[in-house]
Amino acid sequence: MDLAVLCDFDGTITVNDTFEHVLRKFAKGDWKKYDESYDRGEISLQECLKKQGALVTTAEMVLVAELERVTVFRPNFDKLIRYCRSNKVPLGIVSAGLDFTIKDLLRMKGWNNLVKLYAAKAESTSKGIKFTFPRLQDKESKSLKDDRVKFYQNKGLKVAYVGDSTPDLLALKEADFRFVVKGSRLAGLCRQQNILAREINDFQEVVTVLQYDLTR
């Protein structure tokens, strides 16, 4: 099947935003101003993450334990995994969150070997969380999210993208099949910009749409 599926993690695969939870509980300083600067286009996503990460000096094991306690997953992501595996469809997570917490949460669910994670390398240090970003493969890309969409499209695949927030917007625009979390910031942006996207509450809806559209 000539398809790849990409999903955001925070607020999409999970109901709550795990990185935002870390910032709200552990950041020492005004992390929200960097989100606002990013939304206004004054700084890049990479710059935003670096500045916010520098505000969190909490040990990695503390962050992992906290997110294991509070994280809620959106229903039926396991069904999307099964659909992709049975149809040999590449399934990836593209995230601007903390890779070490995401990996732990995926292991907790038994999904760590079933889905590929594309995210910056995050390291918890005494001077804050440091991010090391992967090199983008397309010089026109703005972040690893839209870069990964282009990567699969350049291989001749159609791409389905599922997201919920502003950093997903460019990747969603590039995608062939667009899904947004109902009631999310991204859903509102799509309506404002007349971007056609299906609004979903759980991943069974994504599977149903893909099965229908790809068998027509």
Protein backbone atom coordinates (compact mmCIF):
# COMPACT_ATOMS: atom_id res chain seq x y z
CA MET A 1 0.00 0.00 0.00
CA ASP A 2 1.49 3.36 -1.04
CA LEU A 3 0.78 5.10 2.25
CA ALA A 4 2.62 6.37 5.33
CA VAL A 5 0.96 7.58 8.53
CA LEU A 6 2.45 10.26 10.79
CA CYS A 7 1.05 11.31 14.17
CA ASP A 8 1.90 14.03 16.61
CA PHE A 9 2.27 12.77 20.19
CA ASP A 10 1.29 15.42 22.75
CA GLY A 11 -2.42 16.15 22.60
CA THR A 12 -2.90 13.73 19.72
CA ILE A 13 -1.82 10.22 20.74
CA THR A 14 -2.19 11.45 24.31
CA VAL A 15 -5.17 13.46 25.49
CA ASN A 16 -2.97 15.70 27.63
CA ASP A 17 0.15 17.55 26.45
CA THR A 18 3.01 15.86 28.31
CA PHE A 19 5.66 18.50 27.57
CA GLU A 20 3.29 21.28 28.62
CA HIS A 21 2.63 19.38 31.83
CA VAL A 22 6.37 19.28 32.49
CA LEU A 23 6.64 23.02 31.87
CA ARG A 24 3.65 23.87 34.05
CA LYS A 25 4.95 21.81 36.98
CA PHE A 26 8.72 22.12 36.75
CA ALA A 27 9.74 25.16 34.66
CA LYS A 28 11.51 27.96 36.53
CA GLY A 29 10.41 31.01 34.61
CA ASP A 30 7.86 32.22 32.08
CA TRP A 31 7.69 29.42 29.50
CA LYS A 32 4.44 30.68 27.98
CA LYS A 33 6.08 33.77 26.46
CA TYR A 34 8.08 31.52 24.14
CA ASP A 35 4.90 29.81 22.91
CA GLU A 36 3.48 33.26 22.22
CA SER A 37 6.63 34.32 20.34
CA TYR A 38 6.44 31.12 18.28
CA ASP A 39 2.75 31.68 17.49
CA ARG A 40 3.59 35.21 16.28
CA GLY A 41 6.33 33.83 14.03
CA GLU A 42 9.11 35.61 15.92
CA ILE A 43 11.06 32.43 16.74
CA SER A 44 11.28 28.97 15.22
CA LEU A 45 9.92 25.80 16.82
CA GLN A 46 13.50 24.74 17.56
CA GLU A 47 14.25 28.03 19.31
CA CYS A 48 11.04 27.77 21.30
CA LEU A 49 11.89 24.29 22.56
CA LYS A 50 15.46 25.25 23.45
CA LYS A 51 14.34 28.27 25.48
CA GLN A 52 11.60 26.34 27.26
CA GLY A 53 13.83 23.35 27.93
CA ALA A 54 16.42 25.57 29.57
CA LEU A 55 13.84 26.40 32.26
CA VAL A 56 13.53 22.75 33.43
CA THR A 57 16.39 21.41 35.60
CA THR A 58 14.44 18.49 37.09
CA ALA A 59 16.03 15.03 36.83
CA GLU A 60 14.91 12.79 33.96
CA MET A 61 13.70 10.02 36.27
CA VAL A 62 11.41 12.49 38.07
CA LEU A 63 9.91 13.70 34.80
CA VAL A 64 9.38 10.14 33.57
CA ALA A 65 7.67 9.07 36.80
CA GLU A 66 5.42 12.14 36.78
CA LEU A 67 4.26 11.54 33.20
CA GLU A 68 3.66 7.83 33.83
CA ARG A 69 1.29 8.98 36.58
CA VAL A 70 -0.70 11.61 34.67
CA THR A 71 -0.67 10.65 30.97
CA VAL A 72 -3.96 9.66 29.35
CA PHE A 73 -3.96 8.10 25.87
CA ARG A 74 -6.49 8.85 23.17
CA PRO A 75 -8.59 5.73 22.45
CA ASN A 76 -7.71 3.16 19.79
CA PHE A 77 -4.17 4.11 18.82
CA ASP A 78 -3.50 0.37 19.09
CA LYS A 79 -6.03 -0.16 16.27
CA LEU A 80 -4.10 2.24 14.04
CA ILE A 81 -0.93 0.30 14.85
CA ARG A 82 -2.59 -2.99 13.89
CA TYR A 83 -3.99 -1.48 10.68
CA CYS A 84 -0.58 -0.19 9.63
CA ARG A 85 1.23 -3.42 10.48
CA SER A 86 -1.30 -5.62 8.68
CA ASN A 87 -1.08 -3.42 5.57
CA LYS A 88 2.71 -2.81 5.74
CA VAL A 89 2.15 0.93 6.16
CA PRO A 90 4.98 2.91 7.81
CA LEU A 91 3.73 4.50 11.04
CA GLY A 92 5.71 7.26 12.70
CA ILE A 93 5.39 9.66 15.59
CA VAL A 94 6.68 13.16 14.87
CA SER A 95 7.04 15.10 18.08
CA ALA A 96 8.33 18.36 19.48
CA GLY A 97 8.24 16.83 22.96
CA LEU A 98 10.73 15.02 25.17
CA ASP A 99 11.97 11.89 23.45
CA PHE A 100 12.97 10.12 26.68
CA THR A 101 9.51 10.52 28.20
CA ILE A 102 7.77 9.51 24.95
CA LYS A 103 9.93 6.38 24.67
CA ASP A 104 9.09 5.45 28.24
CA LEU A 105 5.36 5.93 27.69
CA LEU A 106 5.49 3.86 24.49
CA ARG A 107 7.28 1.07 26.38
CA MET A 108 4.63 1.28 29.09
CA LYS A 109 1.96 0.61 26.46
CA GLY A 110 4.01 -2.05 24.64
CA TRP A 111 4.22 0.09 21.49
CA ASN A 112 7.92 0.95 21.50
CA ASN A 113 8.86 -1.60 18.83
CA LEU A 114 5.73 -1.05 16.75
CA VAL A 115 6.08 2.61 15.81
CA LYS A 116 9.03 4.80 14.81
CA LEU A 117 9.71 7.97 16.80
CA TYR A 118 11.04 11.10 15.07
CA ALA A 119 11.96 13.74 17.64
CA ALA A 120 14.86 15.85 18.83
CA LYS A 121 17.22 14.18 21.28
CA ALA A 122 16.47 15.62 24.72
CA GLU A 123 18.91 15.46 27.62
CA SER A 124 18.08 16.49 31.17
CA THR A 125 21.00 18.40 32.73
CA SER A 126 21.61 20.64 35.74
CA LYS A 127 21.43 23.61 33.35
CA GLY A 128 18.13 22.57 31.80
CA ILE A 129 16.89 20.21 29.12
CA LYS A 130 19.10 20.36 26.04
CA PHE A 131 17.70 19.48 22.63
CA THR A 132 19.72 18.15 19.71
CA PHE A 133 17.71 18.39 16.51
CA PRO A 134 18.05 15.99 13.56
CA ARG A 135 19.29 17.40 10.27
CA LEU A 136 16.41 18.19 7.93
CA GLN A 137 16.49 16.39 4.59
CA ASP A 138 14.64 19.05 2.60
CA LYS A 139 16.08 22.56 2.60
CA GLU A 140 12.57 24.03 2.38
CA SER A 141 11.38 22.28 5.56
CA LYS A 142 10.67 24.29 8.69
CA SER A 143 10.77 21.45 11.23
CA LEU A 144 11.15 17.69 11.46
CA LYS A 145 7.37 17.37 11.13
CA ASP A 146 6.89 18.75 7.62
CA ASP A 147 10.31 17.33 6.68
CA ARG A 148 9.14 13.80 7.44
CA VAL A 149 5.97 14.31 5.36
CA LYS A 150 8.12 15.35 2.38
CA PHE A 151 10.48 12.43 2.98
CA TYR A 152 7.71 9.88 2.45
CA GLN A 153 6.14 11.79 -0.42
CA ASN A 154 9.52 11.84 -2.18
CA LYS A 155 9.48 8.04 -1.90
CA GLY A 156 6.20 8.01 -3.82
CA LEU A 157 3.92 7.49 -0.83
CA LYS A 158 0.80 9.37 0.14
CA VAL A 159 0.93 10.64 3.72
CA ALA A 160 -1.81 10.76 6.36
CA TYR A 161 -1.08 13.20 9.16
CA VAL A 162 -2.80 13.49 12.55
CA GLY A 163 -2.20 16.51 14.78
CA ASP A 164 -3.66 18.98 17.24
CA SER A 165 -1.55 22.13 17.55
CA THR A 166 0.23 24.98 15.77
CA PRO A 167 3.53 23.09 15.19
CA ASP A 168 1.54 20.52 13.16
CA LEU A 169 0.11 23.06 10.73
CA LEU A 170 2.79 23.00 8.03
CA ALA A 171 3.02 19.20 8.07
CA LEU A 172 -0.75 18.94 7.86
CA LYS A 173 -0.85 21.28 4.87
CA GLU A 174 1.68 19.08 3.07
CA ALA A 175 -0.15 15.84 3.83
CA ASP A 176 -2.50 13.99 1.47
CA PHE A 177 -4.92 12.87 4.21
CA ARG A 178 -5.48 15.36 7.03
CA PHE A 179 -6.82 14.62 10.50
CA VAL A 180 -7.12 17.02 13.42
CA VAL A 181 -8.24 16.46 16.98
CA LYS A 182 -11.75 17.83 17.42
CA GLY A 183 -11.82 21.05 19.40
CA SER A 184 -8.05 21.53 19.16
CA ARG A 185 -6.06 24.64 18.28
CA LEU A 186 -5.19 23.03 14.95
CA ALA A 187 -8.86 22.40 14.15
CA GLY A 188 -9.51 26.11 14.66
CA LEU A 189 -6.59 27.11 12.46
CA CYS A 190 -7.84 24.81 9.70
CA ARG A 191 -11.26 26.44 9.79
CA GLN A 192 -9.71 29.93 9.74
CA GLN A 193 -7.46 29.08 6.78
CA ASN A 194 -9.99 26.94 4.87
CA ILE A 195 -7.83 23.82 5.14
CA LEU A 196 -9.88 20.68 4.65
CA ALA A 197 -9.27 18.23 7.48
CA ARG A 198 -11.33 15.57 9.21
CA GLU A 199 -11.90 16.18 12.91
CA ILE A 200 -11.50 13.08 15.07
CA ASN A 201 -11.91 12.07 18.71
CA ASP A 202 -10.17 8.70 18.53
CA PHE A 203 -8.00 6.69 16.20
CA GLN A 204 -10.70 4.25 15.07
CA GLU A 205 -12.06 7.17 13.05
CA VAL A 206 -8.68 7.51 11.32
CA VAL A 207 -8.59 3.80 10.50
CA THR A 208 -12.15 3.86 9.16
CA VAL A 209 -11.42 6.81 6.85
CA LEU A 210 -8.19 5.31 5.54
CA GLN A 211 -9.85 1.96 4.87
CA TYR A 212 -12.64 3.66 2.95
CA ASP A 213 -10.54 6.14 0.95
CA LEU A 214 -7.86 3.66 -0.01
CA THR A 215 -10.26 0.96 -1.20
CA ARG A 216 -12.36 3.19 -3.43
